[in-house]
PDB file of N, CA and C in Angstrom:
ATOM      1  N   UNK A   1      90.085 161.159  -7.407  1.00  0.00           N
ATOM      2  CA  UNK A   1      90.176 160.761  -8.792  1.00  0.00           C
ATOM      3  C   UNK A   1      90.441 159.258  -8.931  1.00  0.00           C
ATOM      4  N   UNK A   2      91.302 158.712  -8.053  1.00  0.00           N
ATOM      5  CA  UNK A   2      91.598 157.284  -8.129  1.00  0.00           C
ATOM      6  C   UNK A   2      90.374 156.445  -7.803  1.00  0.00           C
ATOM      7  N   UNK A   3      89.548 156.940  -6.883  1.00  0.00           N
ATOM      8  CA  UNK A   3      88.330 156.203  -6.537  1.00  0.00           C
ATOM      9  C   UNK A   3      87.332 156.285  -7.694  1.00  0.00           C
ATOM     10  N   UNK A   4      87.285 157.426  -8.356  1.00  0.00           N
ATOM     11  CA  UNK A   4      86.432 157.547  -9.545  1.00  0.00           C
ATOM     12  C   UNK A   4      86.826 156.499 -10.582  1.00  0.00           C
ATOM     13  N   UNK A   5      88.133 156.356 -10.791  1.00  0.00           N
ATOM     14  CA  UNK A   5      88.627 155.384 -11.770  1.00  0.00           C
ATOM     15  C   UNK A   5      88.251 153.959 -11.364  1.00  0.00           C
ATOM     16  N   UNK A   6      88.340 153.670 -10.065  1.00  0.00           N
ATOM     17  CA  UNK A   6      87.990 152.329  -9.580  1.00  0.00           C
ATOM     18  C   UNK A   6      86.511 152.040  -9.837  1.00  0.00           C
ATOM     19  N   UNK A   7      85.656 153.009  -9.563  1.00  0.00           N
ATOM     20  CA  UNK A   7      84.217 152.836  -9.771  1.00  0.00           C
ATOM     21  C   UNK A   7      83.921 152.622 -11.256  1.00  0.00           C
ATOM     22  N   UNK A   8      84.554 153.423 -12.101  1.00  0.00           N
ATOM     23  CA  UNK A   8      84.342 153.303 -13.546  1.00  0.00           C
ATOM     24  C   UNK A   8      84.791 151.925 -14.043  1.00  0.00           C
ATOM     25  N   UNK A   9      85.890 151.446 -13.502  1.00  0.00           N
ATOM     26  CA  UNK A   9      86.431 150.138 -13.885  1.00  0.00           C
ATOM     27  C   UNK A   9      85.500 148.993 -13.475  1.00  0.00           C
ATOM     28  N   UNK A  10      84.811 149.139 -12.345  1.00  0.00           N
ATOM     29  CA  UNK A  10      83.960 148.071 -11.827  1.00  0.00           C
ATOM     30  C   UNK A  10      82.754 147.788 -12.708  1.00  0.00           C
ATOM     31  N   UNK A  11      82.108 148.823 -13.148  1.00  0.00           N
ATOM     32  CA  UNK A  11      80.893 148.686 -13.960  1.00  0.00           C
ATOM     33  C   UNK A  11      79.840 147.850 -13.228  1.00  0.00           C
ATOM     34  N   UNK A  12      78.692 147.759 -13.803  1.00  0.00           N
ATOM     35  CA  UNK A  12      77.637 146.888 -13.288  1.00  0.00           C
ATOM     36  C   UNK A  12      77.226 147.191 -11.858  1.00  0.00           C
ATOM     37  N   UNK A  13      76.650 146.193 -11.214  1.00  0.00           N
ATOM     38  CA  UNK A  13      76.077 146.366  -9.877  1.00  0.00           C
ATOM     39  C   UNK A  13      77.141 146.720  -8.842  1.00  0.00           C
ATOM     40  N   UNK A  14      78.351 146.182  -8.972  1.00  0.00           N
ATOM     41  CA  UNK A  14      79.399 146.493  -7.991  1.00  0.00           C
ATOM     42  C   UNK A  14      79.786 147.965  -8.064  1.00  0.00           C
ATOM     43  N   UNK A  15      79.921 148.494  -9.264  1.00  0.00           N
ATOM     44  CA  UNK A  15      80.238 149.914  -9.420  1.00  0.00           C
ATOM     45  C   UNK A  15      79.124 150.800  -8.891  1.00  0.00           C
ATOM     46  N   UNK A  16      77.883 150.430  -9.190  1.00  0.00           N
ATOM     47  CA  UNK A  16      76.732 151.196  -8.704  1.00  0.00           C
ATOM     48  C   UNK A  16      76.661 151.157  -7.177  1.00  0.00           C
ATOM     49  N   UNK A  17      76.863 149.993  -6.598  1.00  0.00           N
ATOM     50  CA  UNK A  17      76.813 149.849  -5.143  1.00  0.00           C
ATOM     51  C   UNK A  17      77.937 150.638  -4.491  1.00  0.00           C
ATOM     52  N   UNK A  18      79.147 150.503  -5.011  1.00  0.00           N
ATOM     53  CA  UNK A  18      80.298 151.210  -4.439  1.00  0.00           C
ATOM     54  C   UNK A  18      80.095 152.716  -4.532  1.00  0.00           C
ATOM     55  N   UNK A  19      79.590 153.173  -5.660  1.00  0.00           N
ATOM     56  CA  UNK A  19      79.326 154.594  -5.852  1.00  0.00           C
ATOM     57  C   UNK A  19      78.282 155.106  -4.857  1.00  0.00           C
ATOM     58  N   UNK A  20      77.238 154.318  -4.629  1.00  0.00           N
ATOM     59  CA  UNK A  20      76.184 154.714  -3.679  1.00  0.00           C
ATOM     60  C   UNK A  20      76.719 154.756  -2.253  1.00  0.00           C
ATOM     61  N   UNK A  21      77.524 153.767  -1.872  1.00  0.00           N
ATOM     62  CA  UNK A  21      78.120 153.764  -0.534  1.00  0.00           C
ATOM     63  C   UNK A  21      78.997 154.992  -0.341  1.00  0.00           C
ATOM     64  N   UNK A  22      79.791 155.293  -1.349  1.00  0.00           N
ATOM     65  CA  UNK A  22      80.663 156.471  -1.300  1.00  0.00           C
ATOM     66  C   UNK A  22      79.841 157.739  -1.091  1.00  0.00           C
ATOM     67  N   UNK A  23      78.766 157.890  -1.846  1.00  0.00           N
ATOM     68  CA  UNK A  23      77.915 159.073  -1.717  1.00  0.00           C
ATOM     69  C   UNK A  23      77.304 159.167  -0.318  1.00  0.00           C
ATOM     70  N   UNK A  24      76.889 158.043   0.236  1.00  0.00           N
ATOM     71  CA  UNK A  24      76.302 158.051   1.580  1.00  0.00           C
ATOM     72  C   UNK A  24      77.331 158.433   2.645  1.00  0.00           C
ATOM     73  N   UNK A  25      78.557 157.958   2.480  1.00  0.00           N
ATOM     74  CA  UNK A  25      79.619 158.321   3.428  1.00  0.00           C
ATOM     75  C   UNK A  25      79.859 159.823   3.376  1.00  0.00           C
ATOM     76  N   UNK A  26      79.946 160.369   2.180  1.00  0.00           N
ATOM     77  CA  UNK A  26      80.194 161.804   2.017  1.00  0.00           C
ATOM     78  C   UNK A  26      79.010 162.633   2.511  1.00  0.00           C
ATOM     79  N   UNK A  27      77.821 162.099   2.350  1.00  0.00           N
ATOM     80  CA  UNK A  27      76.621 162.778   2.834  1.00  0.00           C
ATOM     81  C   UNK A  27      76.596 162.790   4.363  1.00  0.00           C
ATOM     82  N   UNK A  28      76.977 161.680   4.968  1.00  0.00           N
ATOM     83  CA  UNK A  28      76.973 161.580   6.431  1.00  0.00           C
ATOM     84  C   UNK A  28      78.028 162.474   7.066  1.00  0.00           C
ATOM     85  N   UNK A  29      79.154 162.639   6.380  1.00  0.00           N
ATOM     86  CA  UNK A  29      80.240 163.466   6.904  1.00  0.00           C
ATOM     87  C   UNK A  29      80.840 164.297   5.773  1.00  0.00           C
ATOM     88  N   UNK A  30      80.330 165.510   5.564  1.00  0.00           N
ATOM     89  CA  UNK A  30      80.848 166.359   4.495  1.00  0.00           C
ATOM     90  C   UNK A  30      82.339 166.702   4.640  1.00  0.00           C
ATOM     91  N   UNK A  31      82.898 166.509   5.826  1.00  0.00           N
ATOM     92  CA  UNK A  31      84.314 166.802   6.045  1.00  0.00           C
ATOM     93  C   UNK A  31      85.205 165.567   5.873  1.00  0.00           C
ATOM     94  N   UNK A  32      84.643 164.481   5.414  1.00  0.00           N
ATOM     95  CA  UNK A  32      85.399 163.241   5.268  1.00  0.00           C
ATOM     96  C   UNK A  32      86.561 163.445   4.291  1.00  0.00           C
ATOM     97  N   UNK A  33      87.680 162.815   4.611  1.00  0.00           N
ATOM     98  CA  UNK A  33      88.839 162.819   3.728  1.00  0.00           C
ATOM     99  C   UNK A  33      88.828 161.487   2.984  1.00  0.00           C
ATOM    100  N   UNK A  34      88.885 161.580   1.689  1.00  0.00           N
ATOM    101  CA  UNK A  34      88.826 160.399   0.841  1.00  0.00           C
ATOM    102  C   UNK A  34      90.184 160.228   0.164  1.00  0.00           C
ATOM    103  N   UNK A  35      90.748 159.033   0.295  1.00  0.00           N
ATOM    104  CA  UNK A  35      92.049 158.790  -0.329  1.00  0.00           C
ATOM    105  C   UNK A  35      92.194 157.307  -0.657  1.00  0.00           C
ATOM    106  N   UNK A  36      93.268 157.011  -1.370  1.00  0.00           N
ATOM    107  CA  UNK A  36      93.601 155.631  -1.687  1.00  0.00           C
ATOM    108  C   UNK A  36      94.907 155.307  -0.989  1.00  0.00           C
ATOM    109  N   UNK A  37      94.931 154.210  -0.263  1.00  0.00           N
ATOM    110  CA  UNK A  37      96.126 153.791   0.475  1.00  0.00           C
ATOM    111  C   UNK A  37      96.525 152.386   0.036  1.00  0.00           C
ATOM    112  N   UNK A  38      97.681 152.001   0.488  1.00  0.00           N
ATOM    113  CA  UNK A  38      98.188 150.642   0.337  1.00  0.00           C
ATOM    114  C   UNK A  38      98.271 150.192  -1.122  1.00  0.00           C
ATOM    115  N   UNK A  39      98.762 151.089  -1.983  1.00  0.00           N
ATOM    116  CA  UNK A  39      98.997 150.713  -3.383  1.00  0.00           C
ATOM    117  C   UNK A  39     100.274 149.888  -3.455  1.00  0.00           C
ATOM    118  N   UNK A  40     100.224 148.808  -4.233  1.00  0.00           N
ATOM    119  CA  UNK A  40     101.385 147.935  -4.392  1.00  0.00           C
ATOM    120  C   UNK A  40     101.261 147.207  -5.718  1.00  0.00           C
ATOM    121  N   UNK A  41     102.312 146.555  -6.176  1.00  0.00           N
ATOM    122  CA  UNK A  41     102.250 145.896  -7.481  1.00  0.00           C
ATOM    123  C   UNK A  41     101.086 144.913  -7.628  1.00  0.00           C
ATOM    124  N   UNK A  42     100.765 144.203  -6.579  1.00  0.00           N
ATOM    125  CA  UNK A  42      99.662 143.239  -6.661  1.00  0.00           C
ATOM    126  C   UNK A  42      98.290 143.910  -6.593  1.00  0.00           C
ATOM    127  N   UNK A  43      98.246 145.193  -6.173  1.00  0.00           N
ATOM    128  CA  UNK A  43      97.000 145.959  -6.111  1.00  0.00           C
ATOM    129  C   UNK A  43      97.314 147.414  -6.465  1.00  0.00           C
ATOM    130  N   UNK A  44      97.612 147.691  -7.734  1.00  0.00           N
ATOM    131  CA  UNK A  44      98.030 149.043  -8.112  1.00  0.00           C
ATOM    132  C   UNK A  44      96.963 150.108  -7.893  1.00  0.00           C
ATOM    133  N   UNK A  45      95.689 149.715  -7.871  1.00  0.00           N
ATOM    134  CA  UNK A  45      94.615 150.680  -7.628  1.00  0.00           C
ATOM    135  C   UNK A  45      94.523 151.066  -6.161  1.00  0.00           C
ATOM    136  N   UNK A  46      95.130 150.270  -5.275  1.00  0.00           N
ATOM    137  CA  UNK A  46      95.085 150.559  -3.848  1.00  0.00           C
ATOM    138  C   UNK A  46      93.716 150.298  -3.238  1.00  0.00           C
ATOM    139  N   UNK A  47      93.544 150.795  -2.036  1.00  0.00           N
ATOM    140  CA  UNK A  47      92.317 150.572  -1.273  1.00  0.00           C
ATOM    141  C   UNK A  47      91.694 151.926  -0.920  1.00  0.00           C
ATOM    142  N   UNK A  48      90.436 152.161  -1.309  1.00  0.00           N
ATOM    143  CA  UNK A  48      89.755 153.402  -0.940  1.00  0.00           C
ATOM    144  C   UNK A  48      89.544 153.474   0.579  1.00  0.00           C
ATOM    145  N   UNK A  49      89.871 154.633   1.141  1.00  0.00           N
ATOM    146  CA  UNK A  49      89.774 154.841   2.582  1.00  0.00           C
ATOM    147  C   UNK A  49      89.084 156.180   2.829  1.00  0.00           C
ATOM    148  N   UNK A  50      88.174 156.189   3.800  1.00  0.00           N
ATOM    149  CA  UNK A  50      87.520 157.421   4.226  1.00  0.00           C
ATOM    150  C   UNK A  50      87.906 157.673   5.675  1.00  0.00           C
ATOM    151  N   UNK A  51      88.383 158.895   5.941  1.00  0.00           N
ATOM    152  CA  UNK A  51      88.888 159.234   7.274  1.00  0.00           C
ATOM    153  C   UNK A  51      88.333 160.561   7.755  1.00  0.00           C
ATOM    154  N   UNK A  52      88.329 160.697   9.064  1.00  0.00           N
ATOM    155  CA  UNK A  52      88.050 161.958   9.746  1.00  0.00           C
ATOM    156  C   UNK A  52      88.652 161.805  11.132  1.00  0.00           C
ATOM    157  N   UNK A  53      89.821 162.384  11.326  1.00  0.00           N
ATOM    158  CA  UNK A  53      90.587 162.225  12.572  1.00  0.00           C
ATOM    159  C   UNK A  53      90.861 160.746  12.862  1.00  0.00           C
ATOM    160  N   UNK A  54      91.091 159.996  11.822  1.00  0.00           N
ATOM    161  CA  UNK A  54      91.322 158.560  11.896  1.00  0.00           C
ATOM    162  C   UNK A  54      90.456 157.874  10.860  1.00  0.00           C
ATOM    163  N   UNK A  55      90.776 156.642  10.570  1.00  0.00           N
ATOM    164  CA  UNK A  55      90.026 155.913   9.547  1.00  0.00           C
ATOM    165  C   UNK A  55      88.604 155.633  10.023  1.00  0.00           C
ATOM    166  N   UNK A  56      87.655 155.944   9.153  1.00  0.00           N
ATOM    167  CA  UNK A  56      86.249 155.608   9.393  1.00  0.00           C
ATOM    168  C   UNK A  56      86.008 154.213   8.824  1.00  0.00           C
ATOM    169  N   UNK A  57      86.242 154.096   7.505  1.00  0.00           N
ATOM    170  CA  UNK A  57      86.019 152.803   6.861  1.00  0.00           C
ATOM    171  C   UNK A  57      86.858 152.673   5.602  1.00  0.00           C
ATOM    172  N   UNK A  58      86.943 151.443   5.162  1.00  0.00           N
ATOM    173  CA  UNK A  58      87.732 151.056   4.002  1.00  0.00           C
ATOM    174  C   UNK A  58      86.779 150.356   3.042  1.00  0.00           C
ATOM    175  N   UNK A  59      86.889 150.658   1.766  1.00  0.00           N
ATOM    176  CA  UNK A  59      86.027 150.032   0.774  1.00  0.00           C
ATOM    177  C   UNK A  59      86.794 149.038  -0.072  1.00  0.00           C
ATOM    178  N   UNK A  60      86.166 147.939  -0.379  1.00  0.00           N
ATOM    179  CA  UNK A  60      86.805 146.947  -1.224  1.00  0.00           C
ATOM    180  C   UNK A  60      85.741 146.193  -2.004  1.00  0.00           C
ATOM    181  N   UNK A  61      86.154 145.591  -3.090  1.00  0.00           N
ATOM    182  CA  UNK A  61      85.221 144.830  -3.913  1.00  0.00           C
ATOM    183  C   UNK A  61      85.798 143.466  -4.240  1.00  0.00           C
ATOM    184  N   UNK A  62      84.922 142.501  -4.290  1.00  0.00           N
ATOM    185  CA  UNK A  62      85.238 141.146  -4.721  1.00  0.00           C
ATOM    186  C   UNK A  62      84.314 140.807  -5.877  1.00  0.00           C
ATOM    187  N   UNK A  63      84.492 139.641  -6.414  1.00  0.00           N
ATOM    188  CA  UNK A  63      83.678 139.210  -7.546  1.00  0.00           C
ATOM    189  C   UNK A  63      82.190 139.168  -7.187  1.00  0.00           C
ATOM    190  N   UNK A  64      81.892 138.728  -5.943  1.00  0.00           N
ATOM    191  CA  UNK A  64      80.489 138.531  -5.572  1.00  0.00           C
ATOM    192  C   UNK A  64      79.965 139.482  -4.508  1.00  0.00           C
ATOM    193  N   UNK A  65      80.800 140.425  -4.031  1.00  0.00           N
ATOM    194  CA  UNK A  65      80.292 141.388  -3.047  1.00  0.00           C
ATOM    195  C   UNK A  65      81.155 142.642  -2.966  1.00  0.00           C
ATOM    196  N   UNK A  66      80.557 143.662  -2.376  1.00  0.00           N
ATOM    197  CA  UNK A  66      81.226 144.920  -2.064  1.00  0.00           C
ATOM    198  C   UNK A  66      81.275 144.988  -0.547  1.00  0.00           C
ATOM    199  N   UNK A  67      82.425 145.405  -0.001  1.00  0.00           N
ATOM    200  CA  UNK A  67      82.586 145.414   1.454  1.00  0.00           C
ATOM    201  C   UNK A  67      83.021 146.787   1.947  1.00  0.00           C
ATOM    202  N   UNK A  68      82.376 147.225   3.026  1.00  0.00           N
ATOM    203  CA  UNK A  68      82.831 148.384   3.799  1.00  0.00           C
ATOM    204  C   UNK A  68      83.283 147.859   5.147  1.00  0.00           C
ATOM    205  N   UNK A  69      84.552 148.068   5.472  1.00  0.00           N
ATOM    206  CA  UNK A  69      85.092 147.629   6.748  1.00  0.00           C
ATOM    207  C   UNK A  69      85.312 148.852   7.629  1.00  0.00           C
ATOM    208  N   UNK A  70      84.678 148.851   8.782  1.00  0.00           N
ATOM    209  CA  UNK A  70      84.817 149.955   9.730  1.00  0.00           C
ATOM    210  C   UNK A  70      85.969 149.649  10.676  1.00  0.00           C
ATOM    211  N   UNK A  71      86.922 150.577  10.729  1.00  0.00           N
ATOM    212  CA  UNK A  71      88.158 150.374  11.486  1.00  0.00           C
ATOM    213  C   UNK A  71      87.906 150.116  12.971  1.00  0.00           C
ATOM    214  N   UNK A  72      86.903 150.765  13.532  1.00  0.00           N
ATOM    215  CA  UNK A  72      86.579 150.589  14.955  1.00  0.00           C
ATOM    216  C   UNK A  72      85.140 150.084  15.106  1.00  0.00           C
ATOM    217  N   UNK A  73      84.743 149.263  14.165  1.00  0.00           N
ATOM    218  CA  UNK A  73      83.362 148.799  14.125  1.00  0.00           C
ATOM    219  C   UNK A  73      82.889 148.056  15.359  1.00  0.00           C
ATOM    220  N   UNK A  74      83.799 147.348  16.030  1.00  0.00           N
ATOM    221  CA  UNK A  74      83.413 146.584  17.222  1.00  0.00           C
ATOM    222  C   UNK A  74      82.946 147.506  18.345  1.00  0.00           C
ATOM    223  N   UNK A  75      83.323 148.762  18.280  1.00  0.00           N
ATOM    224  CA  UNK A  75      82.953 149.712  19.330  1.00  0.00           C
ATOM    225  C   UNK A  75      81.747 150.563  18.960  1.00  0.00           C
ATOM    226  N   UNK A  76      81.157 150.293  17.797  1.00  0.00           N
ATOM    227  CA  UNK A  76      80.011 151.077  17.343  1.00  0.00           C
ATOM    228  C   UNK A  76      78.711 150.334  17.621  1.00  0.00           C
ATOM    229  N   UNK A  77      77.714 151.076  18.021  1.00  0.00           N
ATOM    230  CA  UNK A  77      76.384 150.521  18.218  1.00  0.00           C
ATOM    231  C   UNK A  77      75.761 150.312  16.832  1.00  0.00           C
ATOM    232  N   UNK A  78      75.248 149.141  16.583  1.00  0.00           N
ATOM    233  CA  UNK A  78      74.674 148.797  15.282  1.00  0.00           C
ATOM    234  C   UNK A  78      73.274 148.216  15.468  1.00  0.00           C
ATOM    235  N   UNK A  79      72.315 149.053  15.901  1.00  0.00           N
ATOM    236  CA  UNK A  79      70.974 148.535  16.189  1.00  0.00           C
ATOM    237  C   UNK A  79      70.255 147.984  14.954  1.00  0.00           C
ATOM    238  N   UNK A  80      70.634 148.406  13.770  1.00  0.00           N
ATOM    239  CA  UNK A  80      69.987 147.919  12.547  1.00  0.00           C
ATOM    240  C   UNK A  80      70.606 146.635  12.026  1.00  0.00           C
ATOM    241  N   UNK A  81      71.709 146.210  12.632  1.00  0.00           N
ATOM    242  CA  UNK A  81      72.343 144.962  12.241  1.00  0.00           C
ATOM    243  C   UNK A  81      72.990 144.992  10.864  1.00  0.00           C
ATOM    244  N   UNK A  82      73.582 146.117  10.510  1.00  0.00           N
ATOM    245  CA  UNK A  82      74.251 146.213   9.210  1.00  0.00           C
ATOM    246  C   UNK A  82      75.504 145.353   9.142  1.00  0.00           C
ATOM    247  N   UNK A  83      76.234 145.266  10.251  1.00  0.00           N
ATOM    248  CA  UNK A  83      77.469 144.490  10.244  1.00  0.00           C
ATOM    249  C   UNK A  83      77.137 143.011  10.072  1.00  0.00           C
ATOM    250  N   UNK A  84      77.716 142.415   9.020  1.00  0.00           N
ATOM    251  CA  UNK A  84      77.445 141.010   8.755  1.00  0.00           C
ATOM    252  C   UNK A  84      78.715 140.234   8.396  1.00  0.00           C
ATOM    253  N   UNK A  85      79.872 140.858   8.616  1.00  0.00           N
ATOM    254  CA  UNK A  85      81.148 140.201   8.312  1.00  0.00           C
ATOM    255  C   UNK A  85      82.212 140.698   9.286  1.00  0.00           C
ATOM    256  N   UNK A  86      83.264 139.921   9.425  1.00  0.00           N
ATOM    257  CA  UNK A  86      84.367 140.251  10.354  1.00  0.00           C
ATOM    258  C   UNK A  86      83.836 140.469  11.769  1.00  0.00           C
ATOM    259  N   UNK A  87      82.931 139.609  12.183  1.00  0.00           N
ATOM    260  CA  UNK A  87      82.250 139.800  13.466  1.00  0.00           C
ATOM    261  C   UNK A  87      83.010 139.229  14.658  1.00  0.00           C
ATOM    262  N   UNK A  88      84.030 138.446  14.440  1.00  0.00           N
ATOM    263  CA  UNK A  88      84.720 137.786  15.547  1.00  0.00           C
ATOM    264  C   UNK A  88      85.870 138.592  16.119  1.00  0.00           C
ATOM    265  N   UNK A  89      86.376 139.539  15.364  1.00  0.00           N
ATOM    266  CA  UNK A  89      87.516 140.326  15.835  1.00  0.00           C
ATOM    267  C   UNK A  89      87.127 141.283  16.944  1.00  0.00           C
ATOM    268  N   UNK A  90      88.134 141.864  17.569  1.00  0.00           N
ATOM    269  CA  UNK A  90      87.838 142.794  18.661  1.00  0.00           C
ATOM    270  C   UNK A  90      87.965 144.248  18.221  1.00  0.00           C
ATOM    271  N   UNK A  91      88.079 144.497  16.905  1.00  0.00           N
ATOM    272  CA  UNK A  91      88.188 145.863  16.424  1.00  0.00           C
ATOM    273  C   UNK A  91      87.347 146.106  15.167  1.00  0.00           C
ATOM    274  N   UNK A  92      87.594 145.357  14.120  1.00  0.00           N
ATOM    275  CA  UNK A  92      86.939 145.578  12.835  1.00  0.00           C
ATOM    276  C   UNK A  92      85.539 144.967  12.777  1.00  0.00           C
ATOM    277  N   UNK A  93      84.684 145.606  11.988  1.00  0.00           N
ATOM    278  CA  UNK A  93      83.389 145.049  11.610  1.00  0.00           C
ATOM    279  C   UNK A  93      83.151 145.469  10.169  1.00  0.00           C
ATOM    280  N   UNK A  94      82.474 144.627   9.409  1.00  0.00           N
ATOM    281  CA  UNK A  94      82.271 144.923   7.994  1.00  0.00           C
ATOM    282  C   UNK A  94      80.824 144.702   7.576  1.00  0.00           C
ATOM    283  N   UNK A  95      80.508 145.334   6.465  1.00  0.00           N
ATOM    284  CA  UNK A  95      79.209 145.182   5.819  1.00  0.00           C
ATOM    285  C   UNK A  95      79.480 144.636   4.425  1.00  0.00           C
ATOM    286  N   UNK A  96      78.986 143.447   4.138  1.00  0.00           N
ATOM    287  CA  UNK A  96      79.091 142.855   2.811  1.00  0.00           C
ATOM    288  C   UNK A  96      77.763 143.031   2.098  1.00  0.00           C
ATOM    289  N   UNK A  97      77.827 143.549   0.886  1.00  0.00           N
ATOM    290  CA  UNK A  97      76.635 143.715   0.068  1.00  0.00           C
ATOM    291  C   UNK A  97      76.805 142.917  -1.215  1.00  0.00           C
ATOM    292  N   UNK A  98      75.809 142.120  -1.517  1.00  0.00           N
ATOM    293  CA  UNK A  98      75.815 141.316  -2.731  1.00  0.00           C
ATOM    294  C   UNK A  98      74.797 141.877  -3.713  1.00  0.00           C
ATOM    295  N   UNK A  99      74.877 141.410  -4.930  1.00  0.00           N
ATOM    296  CA  UNK A  99      73.968 141.902  -5.960  1.00  0.00           C
ATOM    297  C   UNK A  99      72.523 141.765  -5.489  1.00  0.00           C
ATOM    298  N   UNK A 100      71.778 142.842  -5.618  1.00  0.00           N
ATOM    299  CA  UNK A 100      70.377 142.853  -5.222  1.00  0.00           C
ATOM    300  C   UNK A 100      70.137 143.286  -3.786  1.00  0.00           C
ATOM    301  N   UNK A 101      71.184 143.328  -2.956  1.00  0.00           N
ATOM    302  CA  UNK A 101      71.021 143.778  -1.568  1.00  0.00           C
ATOM    303  C   UNK A 101      70.677 145.263  -1.538  1.00  0.00           C
ATOM    304  N   UNK A 102      69.780 145.618  -0.638  1.00  0.00           N
ATOM    305  CA  UNK A 102      69.424 147.019  -0.422  1.00  0.00           C
ATOM    306  C   UNK A 102      70.281 147.581   0.702  1.00  0.00           C
ATOM    307  N   UNK A 103      70.660 148.829   0.567  1.00  0.00           N
ATOM    308  CA  UNK A 103      71.435 149.509   1.599  1.00  0.00           C
ATOM    309  C   UNK A 103      70.466 150.273   2.496  1.00  0.00           C
ATOM    310  N   UNK A 104      70.528 150.019   3.802  1.00  0.00           N
ATOM    311  CA  UNK A 104      69.751 150.800   4.750  1.00  0.00           C
ATOM    312  C   UNK A 104      70.500 152.124   4.909  1.00  0.00           C
ATOM    313  N   UNK A 105      70.111 153.099   4.109  1.00  0.00           N
ATOM    314  CA  UNK A 105      70.862 154.348   4.018  1.00  0.00           C
ATOM    315  C   UNK A 105      70.937 155.089   5.342  1.00  0.00           C
ATOM    316  N   UNK A 106      69.828 155.179   6.045  1.00  0.00           N
ATOM    317  CA  UNK A 106      69.820 155.901   7.318  1.00  0.00           C
ATOM    318  C   UNK A 106      70.740 155.216   8.328  1.00  0.00           C
ATOM    319  N   UNK A 107      70.694 153.903   8.379  1.00  0.00           N
ATOM    320  CA  UNK A 107      71.541 153.166   9.322  1.00  0.00           C
ATOM    321  C   UNK A 107      73.019 153.317   8.967  1.00  0.00           C
ATOM    322  N   UNK A 108      73.343 153.293   7.675  1.00  0.00           N
ATOM    323  CA  UNK A 108      74.738 153.470   7.271  1.00  0.00           C
ATOM    324  C   UNK A 108      75.223 154.868   7.627  1.00  0.00           C
ATOM    325  N   UNK A 109      74.413 155.861   7.373  1.00  0.00           N
ATOM    326  CA  UNK A 109      74.792 157.229   7.743  1.00  0.00           C
ATOM    327  C   UNK A 109      75.010 157.338   9.249  1.00  0.00           C
ATOM    328  N   UNK A 110      74.166 156.690  10.020  1.00  0.00           N
ATOM    329  CA  UNK A 110      74.339 156.722  11.478  1.00  0.00           C
ATOM    330  C   UNK A 110      75.651 156.053  11.896  1.00  0.00           C
ATOM    331  N   UNK A 111      76.011 154.944  11.255  1.00  0.00           N
ATOM    332  CA  UNK A 111      77.283 154.277  11.566  1.00  0.00           C
ATOM    333  C   UNK A 111      78.468 155.174  11.236  1.00  0.00           C
ATOM    334  N   UNK A 112      78.412 155.844  10.087  1.00  0.00           N
ATOM    335  CA  UNK A 112      79.503 156.753   9.707  1.00  0.00           C
ATOM    336  C   UNK A 112      79.612 157.884  10.732  1.00  0.00           C
ATOM    337  N   UNK A 113      78.492 158.473  11.092  1.00  0.00           N
ATOM    338  CA  UNK A 113      78.507 159.557  12.081  1.00  0.00           C
ATOM    339  C   UNK A 113      79.038 159.064  13.430  1.00  0.00           C
ATOM    340  N   UNK A 114      78.662 157.880  13.823  1.00  0.00           N
ATOM    341  CA  UNK A 114      79.148 157.313  15.085  1.00  0.00           C
ATOM    342  C   UNK A 114      80.653 157.044  15.021  1.00  0.00           C
ATOM    343  N   UNK A 115      81.132 156.591  13.874  1.00  0.00           N
ATOM    344  CA  UNK A 115      82.571 156.340  13.715  1.00  0.00           C
ATOM    345  C   UNK A 115      83.355 157.641  13.793  1.00  0.00           C
ATOM    346  N   UNK A 116      82.834 158.700  13.194  1.00  0.00           N
ATOM    347  CA  UNK A 116      83.485 160.015  13.272  1.00  0.00           C
ATOM    348  C   UNK A 116      83.495 160.492  14.716  1.00  0.00           C
ATOM    349  N   UNK A 117      82.369 160.374  15.398  1.00  0.00           N
ATOM    350  CA  UNK A 117      82.296 160.800  16.803  1.00  0.00           C
ATOM    351  C   UNK A 117      83.298 160.034  17.658  1.00  0.00           C
ATOM    352  N   UNK A 118      83.439 158.744  17.416  1.00  0.00           N
ATOM    353  CA  UNK A 118      84.404 157.932  18.159  1.00  0.00           C
ATOM    354  C   UNK A 118      85.833 158.393  17.877  1.00  0.00           C
ATOM    355  N   UNK A 119      86.144 158.687  16.616  1.00  0.00           N
ATOM    356  CA  UNK A 119      87.467 159.190  16.279  1.00  0.00           C
ATOM    357  C   UNK A 119      87.755 160.521  16.960  1.00  0.00           C
ATOM    358  N   UNK A 120      86.762 161.410  16.969  1.00  0.00           N
ATOM    359  CA  UNK A 120      86.946 162.716  17.609  1.00  0.00           C
ATOM    360  C   UNK A 120      87.119 162.567  19.113  1.00  0.00           C
ATOM    361  N   UNK A 121      86.352 161.672  19.713  1.00  0.00           N
ATOM    362  CA  UNK A 121      86.490 161.415  21.154  1.00  0.00           C
ATOM    363  C   UNK A 121      87.865 160.845  21.480  1.00  0.00           C
ATOM    364  N   UNK A 122      88.336 159.931  20.659  1.00  0.00           N
ATOM    365  CA  UNK A 122      89.666 159.334  20.861  1.00  0.00           C
ATOM    366  C   UNK A 122      90.750 160.395  20.752  1.00  0.00           C
ATOM    367  N   UNK A 123      90.571 161.326  19.810  1.00  0.00           N
ATOM    368  CA  UNK A 123      91.566 162.390  19.628  1.00  0.00           C
ATOM    369  C   UNK A 123      91.624 163.278  20.881  1.00  0.00           C
ATOM    370  N   UNK A 124      90.466 163.613  21.421  1.00  0.00           N
ATOM    371  CA  UNK A 124      90.414 164.474  22.611  1.00  0.00           C
ATOM    372  C   UNK A 124      91.068 163.813  23.822  1.00  0.00           C
ATOM    373  N   UNK A 125      90.982 162.485  23.896  1.00  0.00           N
ATOM    374  CA  UNK A 125      91.550 161.759  25.040  1.00  0.00           C
ATOM    375  C   UNK A 125      93.064 161.618  24.954  1.00  0.00           C
ATOM    376  N   UNK A 126      93.634 161.849  23.774  1.00  0.00           N
ATOM    377  CA  UNK A 126      95.095 161.728  23.634  1.00  0.00           C
ATOM    378  C   UNK A 126      95.814 162.876  24.242  1.00  0.00           C
TER     379      UNK A 126
END
């Protein structure tokens, strides 16, 4: 419900993009857990998070782009080159989408599925 409110509040291309990304994540992993974390006075809406045995990705919006940050993105194979932000770290990778950008839906679904598989593998190794 909180994510619905965030999307409604965004309006325009950012709301449409965020809504489409959300739908693709849920399509890629029907068992995904969707929640809002890290609510605080400076960000009362919090941060949308999608998890499955660990965080898959985090969604955020700025004035000029929408971002999906994959918690273990550095360990995911990205043959389509979706990751275009946070490329220097040794853990996170992000996808920034600006107005007019097209989402490679199949590639995004593959990244989500790979992130879930990595989380499940990590769980088994514990």
